[in-house]
Each structure stands twice: as C-alpha cells, then as structure tokens.
Amino acid sequence: MLRALSVLGARPRCRAPCQPPALLLLPARGRKTRHDPPAKSKVGRVATPPAVDPAEFFVLTERYRQYRQTVRALRLEFVSEVRRKQHEARAGVLAERKALEEAAEHRELMAWNRAENQRLQELRIARLRQEAREQEQRRAEEKARQAREAQAWAQLKEQEVLQLQVGRVCRGRGCSRGRLLCGGGRPGRSQVGRWLRAERGSAA
C-alpha cells in the first residue's frame, strides 16, 4: 500500500512544463455502518450506562431549565426590540401621524371634560340655591304659623280674662245690664268692649 501511495505521489519526470502534482491520498479512519457485523471481541458485550446520582441529576436538570428559560426570555426580548425598530423604521411617518391624532383627540376630550364639569358645577350651584330658598321659605312659613298660633292663643286667653271680669262685675252689681253676658255662653269681643265703655262712662 505504501508502495502504491509512493507511486501515486511521485513526480513524473518530463521535459515539458510540469503539471501540478496529483493529490496525495492519506489513509483515513473510517466508521462502520449499521449493517457491518460487530467485531469478534465485542459480540457479547452489553452496553451499560454509567451510574447517575439522583441529586446531581436533579440539580443539573433544574439549572438547565433555568438556563433555557433565561435564554428564551432574552431571545424574545431581543426579537421584540428588533421587530419594534423595524416597524418604527418602516412606518415612522404613520406612527407620528397617529401620535399627533391621538394627542389632538386627547386635547378635545379634555376640553369636553372641563366643559361638562363646569356645566355640572353650575347645575349643582343652582340646585343648592333653590334648596336654600325653599328651606328659607319653609322657615318663614313655620314662623308665620307659630305667630298666628301665638296670636290666636293670646286672643283666646284675652277673651277668657274679659269673660271672668264681666262675670265678677255682674255678680257684684246684679245681672240687669249683663244678663246676656252672664247667661248665655262666652261674650264676643265687641259686646265686652261696649259694656266696658258703658261702665267707664257711668262711673265718670
């Protein structure tokens, strides 16, 4: 085999311009295919995997899982950033126009909100004023009713006092003049006034 290789790799002796030398074939270690029979020394060999420590295996699997999770998160972050930059570069004008439209819409909505708040504030103030006026009117009506009740009570007490005075005078002088006053119920204010004026005139 070495002789054949030496023959193949030998330079030919020629007087003409020499061509490039042929490739030197080096021996290479090949591998058996799955159809080749095993070697005689490995016919009865059974491949047994090495022993694995369960704790170490759990730690390694957990660390690999964390590593894959971290790398996947970084990869997704980089991909999203690249896509965002591509989108901004591809649709920069559209994005700027959309941002301007959103800003204008936001200003319009804020103006509408302020106007609506002002309108509700005015309605609230008007309602509070109306409630204050109604409450003041109810207070005035209540005071007037109490005044009327007090006046009526005073008139009633005055009539009772006048009736008692008339009865006392009638019992002292006889009932010739005050028969109507003494006999039939409560006298009226006009009758009591006329009788008192007559008594004062007769006394004078």
N, C-alpha and C. Protein backbone atom coordinates (compact mmCIF):
# COMPACT_ATOMS: atom_id res chain seq x y z
N MET A 1 0.83 -1.20 0.00
CA MET A 1 0.00 0.00 0.00
C MET A 1 0.87 1.26 0.00
N LEU A 2 1.94 1.20 0.81
CA LEU A 2 2.84 2.34 0.83
C LEU A 2 3.52 2.52 -0.52
N ARG A 3 3.81 1.37 -1.15
CA ARG A 3 4.44 1.45 -2.47
C ARG A 3 3.49 2.10 -3.46
N ALA A 4 2.23 1.72 -3.39
CA ALA A 4 1.25 2.31 -4.32
C ALA A 4 1.10 3.80 -4.07
N LEU A 5 1.10 4.17 -2.80
CA LEU A 5 0.99 5.59 -2.49
C LEU A 5 2.21 6.35 -2.96
N SER A 6 3.35 5.73 -2.80
CA SER A 6 4.58 6.40 -3.26
C SER A 6 4.59 6.56 -4.77
N VAL A 7 4.03 5.56 -5.44
CA VAL A 7 3.96 5.65 -6.91
C VAL A 7 3.00 6.76 -7.33
N LEU A 8 1.86 6.81 -6.60
CA LEU A 8 0.90 7.84 -6.97
C LEU A 8 1.41 9.24 -6.65
N GLY A 9 2.16 9.35 -5.57
CA GLY A 9 2.62 10.67 -5.18
C GLY A 9 3.94 11.06 -5.82
N ALA A 10 4.57 10.19 -6.61
CA ALA A 10 5.86 10.52 -7.24
C ALA A 10 5.65 11.52 -8.36
N ARG A 11 6.59 12.43 -8.51
CA ARG A 11 6.51 13.44 -9.55
C ARG A 11 6.99 12.85 -10.87
N PRO A 12 6.25 12.97 -11.93
CA PRO A 12 6.72 12.46 -13.22
C PRO A 12 7.84 13.31 -13.78
N ARG A 13 8.79 12.66 -14.40
CA ARG A 13 9.95 13.35 -14.98
C ARG A 13 9.63 13.66 -16.44
N CYS A 14 9.46 14.89 -16.70
CA CYS A 14 9.14 15.30 -18.08
C CYS A 14 9.91 16.55 -18.40
N ARG A 15 10.19 16.69 -19.67
CA ARG A 15 10.91 17.88 -20.11
C ARG A 15 9.97 19.05 -20.34
N ALA A 16 8.75 18.73 -20.62
CA ALA A 16 7.77 19.81 -20.86
C ALA A 16 7.44 20.47 -19.53
N PRO A 17 6.77 21.60 -19.62
CA PRO A 17 6.33 22.24 -18.36
C PRO A 17 5.49 21.27 -17.55
N CYS A 18 5.86 21.12 -16.30
CA CYS A 18 5.21 20.11 -15.45
C CYS A 18 3.85 20.59 -15.01
N GLN A 19 2.92 19.66 -14.96
CA GLN A 19 1.58 19.92 -14.45
C GLN A 19 1.58 19.86 -12.93
N PRO A 20 0.55 20.35 -12.26
CA PRO A 20 0.51 20.29 -10.79
C PRO A 20 0.48 18.84 -10.34
N PRO A 21 1.14 18.56 -9.21
CA PRO A 21 1.21 17.18 -8.75
C PRO A 21 -0.16 16.66 -8.35
N ALA A 22 -0.31 15.35 -8.43
CA ALA A 22 -1.57 14.72 -8.03
C ALA A 22 -1.73 14.80 -6.52
N LEU A 23 -2.97 14.73 -6.09
CA LEU A 23 -3.27 14.78 -4.66
C LEU A 23 -2.73 13.56 -3.97
N LEU A 24 -2.17 13.77 -2.82
CA LEU A 24 -1.62 12.68 -2.02
C LEU A 24 -2.73 12.11 -1.17
N LEU A 25 -3.08 10.83 -1.39
CA LEU A 25 -4.16 10.17 -0.66
C LEU A 25 -3.62 9.67 0.66
N LEU A 26 -4.12 10.27 1.75
CA LEU A 26 -3.72 9.85 3.09
C LEU A 26 -4.71 8.83 3.63
N PRO A 27 -4.24 7.87 4.37
CA PRO A 27 -5.17 6.89 4.96
C PRO A 27 -6.05 7.57 6.01
N ALA A 28 -7.36 7.30 5.97
CA ALA A 28 -8.33 7.87 6.90
C ALA A 28 -9.03 6.75 7.64
N ARG A 29 -9.35 7.03 8.88
CA ARG A 29 -10.03 6.04 9.70
C ARG A 29 -11.52 6.12 9.42
N GLY A 30 -12.06 5.05 8.92
CA GLY A 30 -13.47 5.02 8.62
C GLY A 30 -14.30 4.50 9.77
N ARG A 31 -15.61 4.56 9.62
CA ARG A 31 -16.54 4.06 10.63
C ARG A 31 -17.44 3.01 10.00
N LYS A 32 -17.84 2.07 10.81
CA LYS A 32 -18.71 1.01 10.33
C LYS A 32 -20.12 1.53 10.16
N THR A 33 -20.80 0.98 9.21
CA THR A 33 -22.20 1.28 9.04
C THR A 33 -23.01 0.36 9.95
N ARG A 34 -24.28 0.61 9.99
CA ARG A 34 -25.13 -0.21 10.85
C ARG A 34 -25.31 -1.64 10.34
N HIS A 35 -24.95 -1.86 9.09
CA HIS A 35 -25.09 -3.21 8.53
C HIS A 35 -23.83 -4.05 8.70
N ASP A 36 -22.73 -3.43 9.06
CA ASP A 36 -21.49 -4.20 9.25
C ASP A 36 -21.58 -5.03 10.52
N PRO A 37 -21.04 -6.25 10.50
CA PRO A 37 -21.07 -7.09 11.72
C PRO A 37 -20.14 -6.52 12.77
N PRO A 38 -20.46 -6.75 14.06
CA PRO A 38 -19.58 -6.26 15.12
C PRO A 38 -18.28 -7.06 15.15
N ALA A 39 -17.32 -6.49 15.85
CA ALA A 39 -16.03 -7.18 15.99
C ALA A 39 -16.19 -8.41 16.87
N LYS A 40 -15.24 -9.36 16.71
CA LYS A 40 -15.33 -10.59 17.49
C LYS A 40 -15.18 -10.34 18.98
N SER A 41 -14.39 -9.32 19.36
CA SER A 41 -14.19 -9.04 20.78
C SER A 41 -15.38 -8.35 21.43
N LYS A 42 -16.34 -7.86 20.62
CA LYS A 42 -17.49 -7.14 21.17
C LYS A 42 -18.82 -7.80 20.83
N VAL A 43 -18.79 -9.08 20.56
CA VAL A 43 -20.01 -9.78 20.18
C VAL A 43 -20.96 -9.89 21.37
N GLY A 44 -20.45 -10.30 22.53
CA GLY A 44 -21.34 -10.49 23.67
C GLY A 44 -21.37 -9.33 24.65
N ARG A 45 -20.84 -8.19 24.27
CA ARG A 45 -20.77 -7.06 25.21
C ARG A 45 -22.13 -6.39 25.29
N VAL A 46 -22.53 -6.08 26.52
CA VAL A 46 -23.80 -5.35 26.77
C VAL A 46 -23.44 -3.95 27.25
N ALA A 47 -23.93 -2.95 26.53
CA ALA A 47 -23.62 -1.55 26.89
C ALA A 47 -24.47 -1.13 28.08
N THR A 48 -23.80 -0.83 29.15
CA THR A 48 -24.50 -0.38 30.37
C THR A 48 -24.15 1.08 30.60
N PRO A 49 -25.16 1.93 30.80
CA PRO A 49 -24.87 3.34 31.03
C PRO A 49 -24.23 3.54 32.40
N PRO A 50 -23.45 4.58 32.55
CA PRO A 50 -22.83 4.84 33.85
C PRO A 50 -23.86 5.22 34.90
N ALA A 51 -23.54 5.02 36.15
CA ALA A 51 -24.45 5.35 37.24
C ALA A 51 -24.61 6.87 37.36
N VAL A 52 -25.81 7.27 37.67
CA VAL A 52 -26.15 8.70 37.77
C VAL A 52 -26.64 8.97 39.18
N ASP A 53 -26.09 10.03 39.79
CA ASP A 53 -26.52 10.43 41.12
C ASP A 53 -27.85 11.19 40.99
N PRO A 54 -28.93 10.76 41.68
CA PRO A 54 -30.23 11.44 41.53
C PRO A 54 -30.19 12.91 41.93
N ALA A 55 -29.50 13.23 43.03
CA ALA A 55 -29.44 14.63 43.47
C ALA A 55 -28.72 15.49 42.45
N GLU A 56 -27.59 14.98 41.95
CA GLU A 56 -26.86 15.73 40.95
C GLU A 56 -27.65 15.88 39.67
N PHE A 57 -28.36 14.81 39.28
CA PHE A 57 -29.18 14.87 38.08
C PHE A 57 -30.30 15.90 38.23
N PHE A 58 -30.92 15.96 39.42
CA PHE A 58 -31.98 16.95 39.66
C PHE A 58 -31.43 18.37 39.59
N VAL A 59 -30.25 18.59 40.21
CA VAL A 59 -29.65 19.93 40.19
C VAL A 59 -29.31 20.33 38.76
N LEU A 60 -28.73 19.40 38.00
CA LEU A 60 -28.36 19.73 36.62
C LEU A 60 -29.59 20.03 35.76
N THR A 61 -30.63 19.21 35.89
CA THR A 61 -31.84 19.47 35.11
C THR A 61 -32.47 20.80 35.48
N GLU A 62 -32.48 21.13 36.79
CA GLU A 62 -33.06 22.40 37.21
C GLU A 62 -32.24 23.57 36.66
N ARG A 63 -30.93 23.46 36.70
CA ARG A 63 -30.09 24.55 36.18
C ARG A 63 -30.25 24.68 34.68
N TYR A 64 -30.35 23.54 33.96
CA TYR A 64 -30.58 23.62 32.52
C TYR A 64 -31.93 24.26 32.20
N ARG A 65 -32.93 23.94 33.02
CA ARG A 65 -34.25 24.53 32.79
C ARG A 65 -34.20 26.04 32.99
N GLN A 66 -33.57 26.47 34.07
CA GLN A 66 -33.43 27.91 34.31
C GLN A 66 -32.63 28.59 33.20
N TYR A 67 -31.58 27.92 32.74
CA TYR A 67 -30.77 28.49 31.67
C TYR A 67 -31.59 28.64 30.39
N ARG A 68 -32.34 27.58 30.04
CA ARG A 68 -33.16 27.66 28.83
C ARG A 68 -34.24 28.74 28.96
N GLN A 69 -34.82 28.85 30.16
CA GLN A 69 -35.84 29.88 30.37
C GLN A 69 -35.26 31.28 30.24
N THR A 70 -34.08 31.50 30.83
CA THR A 70 -33.44 32.82 30.75
C THR A 70 -33.05 33.15 29.31
N VAL A 71 -32.46 32.18 28.63
CA VAL A 71 -32.04 32.42 27.25
C VAL A 71 -33.26 32.67 26.35
N ARG A 72 -34.34 31.93 26.60
CA ARG A 72 -35.55 32.13 25.80
C ARG A 72 -36.13 33.52 26.05
N ALA A 73 -36.15 33.98 27.30
CA ALA A 73 -36.66 35.32 27.60
C ALA A 73 -35.80 36.39 26.93
N LEU A 74 -34.47 36.23 27.00
CA LEU A 74 -33.59 37.20 26.34
C LEU A 74 -33.80 37.20 24.83
N ARG A 75 -33.93 36.00 24.27
CA ARG A 75 -34.12 35.91 22.83
C ARG A 75 -35.43 36.60 22.41
N LEU A 76 -36.50 36.36 23.17
CA LEU A 76 -37.78 37.00 22.85
C LEU A 76 -37.68 38.52 23.01
N GLU A 77 -36.94 38.97 24.04
CA GLU A 77 -36.79 40.41 24.23
C GLU A 77 -36.03 41.02 23.05
N PHE A 78 -34.97 40.38 22.64
CA PHE A 78 -34.21 40.89 21.50
C PHE A 78 -35.04 40.88 20.22
N VAL A 79 -35.79 39.82 20.03
CA VAL A 79 -36.62 39.72 18.83
C VAL A 79 -37.68 40.83 18.82
N SER A 80 -38.33 41.05 19.99
CA SER A 80 -39.35 42.12 20.05
C SER A 80 -38.74 43.49 19.81
N GLU A 81 -37.54 43.72 20.34
CA GLU A 81 -36.88 45.00 20.12
C GLU A 81 -36.53 45.21 18.65
N VAL A 82 -36.03 44.14 18.01
CA VAL A 82 -35.69 44.25 16.59
C VAL A 82 -36.94 44.49 15.76
N ARG A 83 -38.01 43.78 16.08
CA ARG A 83 -39.25 43.97 15.32
C ARG A 83 -39.81 45.38 15.54
N ARG A 84 -39.70 45.87 16.78
CA ARG A 84 -40.18 47.22 17.05
C ARG A 84 -39.40 48.25 16.25
N LYS A 85 -38.09 48.09 16.21
CA LYS A 85 -37.28 49.03 15.43
C LYS A 85 -37.61 48.94 13.95
N GLN A 86 -37.80 47.72 13.45
CA GLN A 86 -38.18 47.57 12.04
C GLN A 86 -39.51 48.23 11.75
N HIS A 87 -40.46 48.04 12.67
CA HIS A 87 -41.78 48.65 12.48
C HIS A 87 -41.69 50.17 12.52
N GLU A 88 -40.90 50.70 13.46
CA GLU A 88 -40.74 52.15 13.53
C GLU A 88 -40.05 52.69 12.29
N ALA A 89 -39.05 51.95 11.82
CA ALA A 89 -38.36 52.41 10.61
C ALA A 89 -39.25 52.31 9.38
N ARG A 90 -40.12 51.29 9.35
CA ARG A 90 -40.97 51.08 8.18
C ARG A 90 -42.20 52.00 8.21
N ALA A 91 -42.73 52.25 9.40
CA ALA A 91 -43.95 53.05 9.50
C ALA A 91 -43.74 54.24 10.41
N GLY A 92 -42.63 54.94 10.27
CA GLY A 92 -42.35 56.09 11.13
C GLY A 92 -43.30 57.24 10.89
N VAL A 93 -43.59 57.52 9.65
CA VAL A 93 -44.48 58.64 9.32
C VAL A 93 -45.90 58.35 9.81
N LEU A 94 -46.34 57.09 9.59
CA LEU A 94 -47.68 56.73 10.04
C LEU A 94 -47.78 56.78 11.56
N ALA A 95 -46.74 56.32 12.23
CA ALA A 95 -46.75 56.35 13.69
C ALA A 95 -46.78 57.79 14.21
N GLU A 96 -46.01 58.66 13.58
CA GLU A 96 -46.01 60.06 14.00
C GLU A 96 -47.37 60.70 13.77
N ARG A 97 -47.96 60.39 12.61
CA ARG A 97 -49.28 60.94 12.33
C ARG A 97 -50.32 60.42 13.32
N LYS A 98 -50.23 59.14 13.64
CA LYS A 98 -51.16 58.57 14.61
C LYS A 98 -50.98 59.19 15.99
N ALA A 99 -49.72 59.44 16.37
CA ALA A 99 -49.46 60.07 17.66
C ALA A 99 -50.04 61.48 17.71
N LEU A 100 -49.91 62.24 16.59
CA LEU A 100 -50.47 63.58 16.55
C LEU A 100 -52.00 63.54 16.64
N GLU A 101 -52.61 62.57 15.94
CA GLU A 101 -54.07 62.45 16.01
C GLU A 101 -54.53 62.09 17.42
N GLU A 102 -53.81 61.18 18.06
CA GLU A 102 -54.18 60.81 19.43
C GLU A 102 -54.02 61.99 20.38
N ALA A 103 -52.96 62.79 20.20
CA ALA A 103 -52.78 63.97 21.05
C ALA A 103 -53.91 64.98 20.85
N ALA A 104 -54.29 65.19 19.58
CA ALA A 104 -55.40 66.11 19.31
C ALA A 104 -56.70 65.60 19.91
N GLU A 105 -56.94 64.30 19.76
CA GLU A 105 -58.16 63.72 20.34
C GLU A 105 -58.15 63.84 21.86
N HIS A 106 -56.97 63.66 22.45
CA HIS A 106 -56.88 63.79 23.91
C HIS A 106 -57.19 65.22 24.35
N ARG A 107 -56.67 66.21 23.62
CA ARG A 107 -56.96 67.60 23.96
C ARG A 107 -58.46 67.90 23.83
N GLU A 108 -59.09 67.39 22.77
CA GLU A 108 -60.53 67.61 22.61
C GLU A 108 -61.33 66.97 23.74
N LEU A 109 -60.94 65.76 24.11
CA LEU A 109 -61.66 65.09 25.21
C LEU A 109 -61.47 65.83 26.53
N MET A 110 -60.26 66.34 26.77
CA MET A 110 -60.03 67.10 28.00
C MET A 110 -60.85 68.38 28.02
N ALA A 111 -60.94 69.06 26.86
CA ALA A 111 -61.75 70.28 26.79
C ALA A 111 -63.22 69.96 27.04
N TRP A 112 -63.71 68.87 26.43
CA TRP A 112 -65.10 68.47 26.66
C TRP A 112 -65.33 68.11 28.13
N ASN A 113 -64.36 67.47 28.74
CA ASN A 113 -64.48 67.11 30.16
C ASN A 113 -64.56 68.34 31.04
N ARG A 114 -63.72 69.34 30.75
CA ARG A 114 -63.77 70.57 31.54
C ARG A 114 -65.11 71.29 31.36
N ALA A 115 -65.61 71.34 30.12
CA ALA A 115 -66.90 71.98 29.89
C ALA A 115 -68.03 71.24 30.62
N GLU A 116 -67.97 69.93 30.58
CA GLU A 116 -69.00 69.14 31.26
C GLU A 116 -68.94 69.33 32.77
N ASN A 117 -67.74 69.38 33.31
CA ASN A 117 -67.60 69.63 34.75
C ASN A 117 -68.12 71.01 35.13
N GLN A 118 -67.84 72.01 34.28
CA GLN A 118 -68.35 73.35 34.54
C GLN A 118 -69.87 73.38 34.52
N ARG A 119 -70.46 72.68 33.54
CA ARG A 119 -71.93 72.65 33.44
C ARG A 119 -72.53 71.97 34.67
N LEU A 120 -71.96 70.84 35.07
CA LEU A 120 -72.48 70.15 36.25
C LEU A 120 -72.30 70.99 37.52
N GLN A 121 -71.18 71.74 37.57
CA GLN A 121 -70.97 72.62 38.73
C GLN A 121 -72.03 73.71 38.80
N GLU A 122 -72.36 74.30 37.65
CA GLU A 122 -73.40 75.33 37.63
C GLU A 122 -74.76 74.74 38.02
N LEU A 123 -75.08 73.57 37.51
CA LEU A 123 -76.34 72.93 37.90
C LEU A 123 -76.37 72.62 39.39
N ARG A 124 -75.24 72.20 39.92
CA ARG A 124 -75.18 71.89 41.35
C ARG A 124 -75.38 73.14 42.20
N ILE A 125 -74.74 74.26 41.76
CA ILE A 125 -74.89 75.52 42.50
C ILE A 125 -76.33 76.01 42.43
N ALA A 126 -76.96 75.91 41.25
CA ALA A 126 -78.36 76.33 41.12
C ALA A 126 -79.27 75.48 42.00
N ARG A 127 -79.01 74.17 42.03
CA ARG A 127 -79.83 73.28 42.87
C ARG A 127 -79.66 73.62 44.35
N LEU A 128 -78.43 73.90 44.76
CA LEU A 128 -78.20 74.25 46.17
C LEU A 128 -78.88 75.57 46.52
N ARG A 129 -78.83 76.55 45.60
CA ARG A 129 -79.52 77.81 45.85
C ARG A 129 -81.03 77.62 45.95
N GLN A 130 -81.58 76.80 45.06
CA GLN A 130 -83.01 76.54 45.10
C GLN A 130 -83.40 75.85 46.40
N GLU A 131 -82.60 74.90 46.82
CA GLU A 131 -82.88 74.23 48.10
C GLU A 131 -82.79 75.20 49.27
N ALA A 132 -81.80 76.13 49.22
CA ALA A 132 -81.69 77.13 50.29
C ALA A 132 -82.91 78.05 50.32
N ARG A 133 -83.37 78.47 49.10
CA ARG A 133 -84.56 79.32 49.06
C ARG A 133 -85.79 78.59 49.59
N GLU A 134 -85.95 77.33 49.18
CA GLU A 134 -87.10 76.56 49.67
C GLU A 134 -87.03 76.36 51.18
N GLN A 135 -85.82 76.11 51.69
CA GLN A 135 -85.69 75.95 53.13
C GLN A 135 -86.00 77.25 53.87
N GLU A 136 -85.53 78.38 53.32
CA GLU A 136 -85.84 79.68 53.93
C GLU A 136 -87.33 79.97 53.88
N GLN A 137 -87.97 79.60 52.77
CA GLN A 137 -89.41 79.81 52.67
C GLN A 137 -90.16 78.94 53.68
N ARG A 138 -89.71 77.70 53.84
CA ARG A 138 -90.35 76.83 54.83
C ARG A 138 -90.17 77.37 56.25
N ARG A 139 -88.97 77.93 56.52
CA ARG A 139 -88.75 78.53 57.84
C ARG A 139 -89.67 79.73 58.06
N ALA A 140 -89.80 80.58 57.02
CA ALA A 140 -90.68 81.76 57.15
C ALA A 140 -92.12 81.33 57.37
N GLU A 141 -92.58 80.32 56.61
CA GLU A 141 -93.94 79.82 56.79
C GLU A 141 -94.14 79.24 58.18
N GLU A 142 -93.12 78.53 58.68
CA GLU A 142 -93.22 77.97 60.02
C GLU A 142 -93.29 79.07 61.07
N LYS A 143 -92.47 80.14 60.91
CA LYS A 143 -92.52 81.25 61.85
C LYS A 143 -93.88 81.96 61.80
N ALA A 144 -94.42 82.15 60.57
CA ALA A 144 -95.73 82.79 60.45
C ALA A 144 -96.82 81.94 61.10
N ARG A 145 -96.73 80.63 60.90
CA ARG A 145 -97.73 79.75 61.53
C ARG A 145 -97.64 79.81 63.04
N GLN A 146 -96.40 79.79 63.56
CA GLN A 146 -96.24 79.90 65.01
C GLN A 146 -96.75 81.24 65.54
N ALA A 147 -96.51 82.33 64.76
CA ALA A 147 -97.01 83.65 65.18
C ALA A 147 -98.53 83.67 65.20
N ARG A 148 -99.16 83.08 64.16
CA ARG A 148 -100.63 83.03 64.14
C ARG A 148 -101.17 82.22 65.31
N GLU A 149 -100.49 81.08 65.57
CA GLU A 149 -100.94 80.27 66.70
C GLU A 149 -100.80 81.03 68.02
N ALA A 150 -99.65 81.75 68.17
CA ALA A 150 -99.46 82.52 69.40
C ALA A 150 -100.51 83.64 69.52
N GLN A 151 -100.82 84.33 68.39
CA GLN A 151 -101.83 85.38 68.42
C GLN A 151 -103.20 84.83 68.76
N ALA A 152 -103.53 83.69 68.16
CA ALA A 152 -104.83 83.07 68.47
C ALA A 152 -104.90 82.65 69.94
N TRP A 153 -103.79 82.10 70.42
CA TRP A 153 -103.77 81.71 71.84
C TRP A 153 -103.91 82.94 72.75
N ALA A 154 -103.25 84.05 72.39
CA ALA A 154 -103.38 85.28 73.19
C ALA A 154 -104.80 85.82 73.15
N GLN A 155 -105.43 85.80 71.96
CA GLN A 155 -106.82 86.26 71.86
C GLN A 155 -107.75 85.40 72.69
N LEU A 156 -107.50 84.09 72.66
CA LEU A 156 -108.34 83.20 73.46
C LEU A 156 -108.20 83.49 74.95
N LYS A 157 -106.95 83.68 75.39
CA LYS A 157 -106.74 83.99 76.80
C LYS A 157 -107.35 85.36 77.16
N GLU A 158 -107.27 86.33 76.24
CA GLU A 158 -107.87 87.64 76.48
C GLU A 158 -109.38 87.54 76.63
N GLN A 159 -110.00 86.77 75.78
CA GLN A 159 -111.45 86.56 75.88
C GLN A 159 -111.82 85.90 77.19
N GLU A 160 -111.01 84.90 77.60
CA GLU A 160 -111.31 84.25 78.88
C GLU A 160 -111.17 85.23 80.05
N VAL A 161 -110.10 86.08 79.99
CA VAL A 161 -109.92 87.07 81.06
C VAL A 161 -111.09 88.08 81.09
N LEU A 162 -111.49 88.55 79.91
CA LEU A 162 -112.62 89.50 79.84
C LEU A 162 -113.90 88.87 80.35
N GLN A 163 -114.10 87.59 80.02
CA GLN A 163 -115.31 86.90 80.48
C GLN A 163 -115.31 86.78 82.00
N LEU A 164 -114.14 86.48 82.56
CA LEU A 164 -114.06 86.39 84.02
C LEU A 164 -114.32 87.75 84.67
N GLN A 165 -113.78 88.83 84.10
CA GLN A 165 -114.02 90.17 84.64
C GLN A 165 -115.49 90.54 84.56
N VAL A 166 -116.13 90.26 83.45
CA VAL A 166 -117.55 90.57 83.28
C VAL A 166 -118.39 89.79 84.27
N GLY A 167 -118.06 88.53 84.44
CA GLY A 167 -118.82 87.73 85.41
C GLY A 167 -118.68 88.26 86.82
N ARG A 168 -117.48 88.70 87.18
CA ARG A 168 -117.26 89.23 88.53
C ARG A 168 -118.05 90.52 88.74
N VAL A 169 -118.07 91.40 87.73
CA VAL A 169 -118.83 92.65 87.83
C VAL A 169 -120.32 92.38 87.91
N CYS A 170 -120.79 91.43 87.16
CA CYS A 170 -122.22 91.09 87.17
C CYS A 170 -122.64 90.55 88.52
N ARG A 171 -121.80 89.72 89.09
CA ARG A 171 -122.14 89.19 90.41
C ARG A 171 -122.13 90.30 91.46
N GLY A 172 -121.29 91.33 91.27
CA GLY A 172 -121.24 92.41 92.26
C GLY A 172 -122.38 93.40 92.14
N ARG A 173 -122.91 93.72 90.92
CA ARG A 173 -123.94 94.74 90.71
C ARG A 173 -125.27 94.18 90.25
N GLY A 174 -125.38 92.90 90.07
CA GLY A 174 -126.62 92.34 89.55
C GLY A 174 -126.53 92.10 88.07
N CYS A 175 -127.47 91.36 87.50
CA CYS A 175 -127.40 90.94 86.10
C CYS A 175 -128.41 91.70 85.25
N SER A 176 -128.84 92.93 85.66
CA SER A 176 -129.80 93.65 84.84
C SER A 176 -129.19 94.10 83.53
N ARG A 177 -127.93 94.58 83.58
CA ARG A 177 -127.27 95.02 82.36
C ARG A 177 -126.55 93.89 81.66
N GLY A 178 -125.97 92.97 82.43
CA GLY A 178 -125.16 91.92 81.80
C GLY A 178 -125.83 90.59 81.77
N ARG A 179 -127.20 90.58 81.59
CA ARG A 179 -127.89 89.30 81.54
C ARG A 179 -127.41 88.47 80.36
N LEU A 180 -127.31 89.14 79.22
CA LEU A 180 -126.82 88.43 78.03
C LEU A 180 -125.39 87.97 78.22
N LEU A 181 -124.61 88.82 78.90
CA LEU A 181 -123.21 88.48 79.09
C LEU A 181 -123.06 87.35 80.10
N CYS A 182 -123.89 87.39 81.14
CA CYS A 182 -123.72 86.38 82.19
C CYS A 182 -124.47 85.10 81.89
N GLY A 183 -125.57 85.17 81.14
CA GLY A 183 -126.38 83.98 80.97
C GLY A 183 -125.96 83.11 79.82
N GLY A 184 -125.68 83.63 78.71
CA GLY A 184 -125.53 82.81 77.51
C GLY A 184 -124.11 82.69 77.02
N GLY A 185 -123.34 81.80 77.47
CA GLY A 185 -122.02 81.42 76.94
C GLY A 185 -121.01 82.54 76.98
N ARG A 186 -120.02 82.38 76.11
CA ARG A 186 -118.93 83.36 76.08
C ARG A 186 -119.36 84.59 75.31
N PRO A 187 -119.06 85.80 75.82
CA PRO A 187 -119.42 87.02 75.09
C PRO A 187 -118.42 87.28 73.97
N GLY A 188 -118.89 88.05 72.98
CA GLY A 188 -117.99 88.46 71.93
C GLY A 188 -117.14 89.64 72.33
N ARG A 189 -116.10 89.89 71.56
CA ARG A 189 -115.20 90.99 71.90
C ARG A 189 -115.92 92.34 71.75
N SER A 190 -116.78 92.48 70.73
CA SER A 190 -117.48 93.75 70.55
C SER A 190 -118.45 94.03 71.71
N GLN A 191 -119.15 92.99 72.17
CA GLN A 191 -120.07 93.16 73.30
C GLN A 191 -119.32 93.52 74.57
N VAL A 192 -118.20 92.85 74.81
CA VAL A 192 -117.41 93.14 76.00
C VAL A 192 -116.87 94.55 75.95
N GLY A 193 -116.41 94.99 74.74
CA GLY A 193 -115.88 96.35 74.61
C GLY A 193 -116.95 97.40 74.87
N ARG A 194 -118.16 97.18 74.29
CA ARG A 194 -119.24 98.15 74.51
C ARG A 194 -119.65 98.22 75.98
N TRP A 195 -119.68 97.05 76.63
CA TRP A 195 -120.08 97.02 78.05
C TRP A 195 -119.05 97.72 78.92
N LEU A 196 -117.75 97.52 78.61
CA LEU A 196 -116.71 98.18 79.40
C LEU A 196 -116.75 99.68 79.18
N ARG A 197 -116.98 100.14 77.93
CA ARG A 197 -117.06 101.58 77.68
C ARG A 197 -118.26 102.20 78.41
N ALA A 198 -119.36 101.44 78.45
CA ALA A 198 -120.54 101.94 79.17
C ALA A 198 -120.29 102.03 80.66
N GLU A 199 -119.60 101.08 81.20
CA GLU A 199 -119.29 101.10 82.62
C GLU A 199 -118.39 102.26 82.96
N ARG A 200 -117.36 102.51 82.11
CA ARG A 200 -116.47 103.62 82.36
C ARG A 200 -117.20 104.96 82.25
N GLY A 201 -118.17 105.06 81.29
CA GLY A 201 -118.94 106.32 81.17
C GLY A 201 -119.84 106.57 82.36
N SER A 202 -120.49 105.50 82.87
CA SER A 202 -121.36 105.66 84.03
C SER A 202 -120.57 105.99 85.28
N ALA A 203 -119.37 105.41 85.36
CA ALA A 203 -118.52 105.70 86.53
C ALA A 203 -118.03 107.13 86.49
N ALA A 204 -117.81 107.67 85.31
CA ALA A 204 -117.34 109.05 85.20
C ALA A 204 -118.48 110.01 85.52
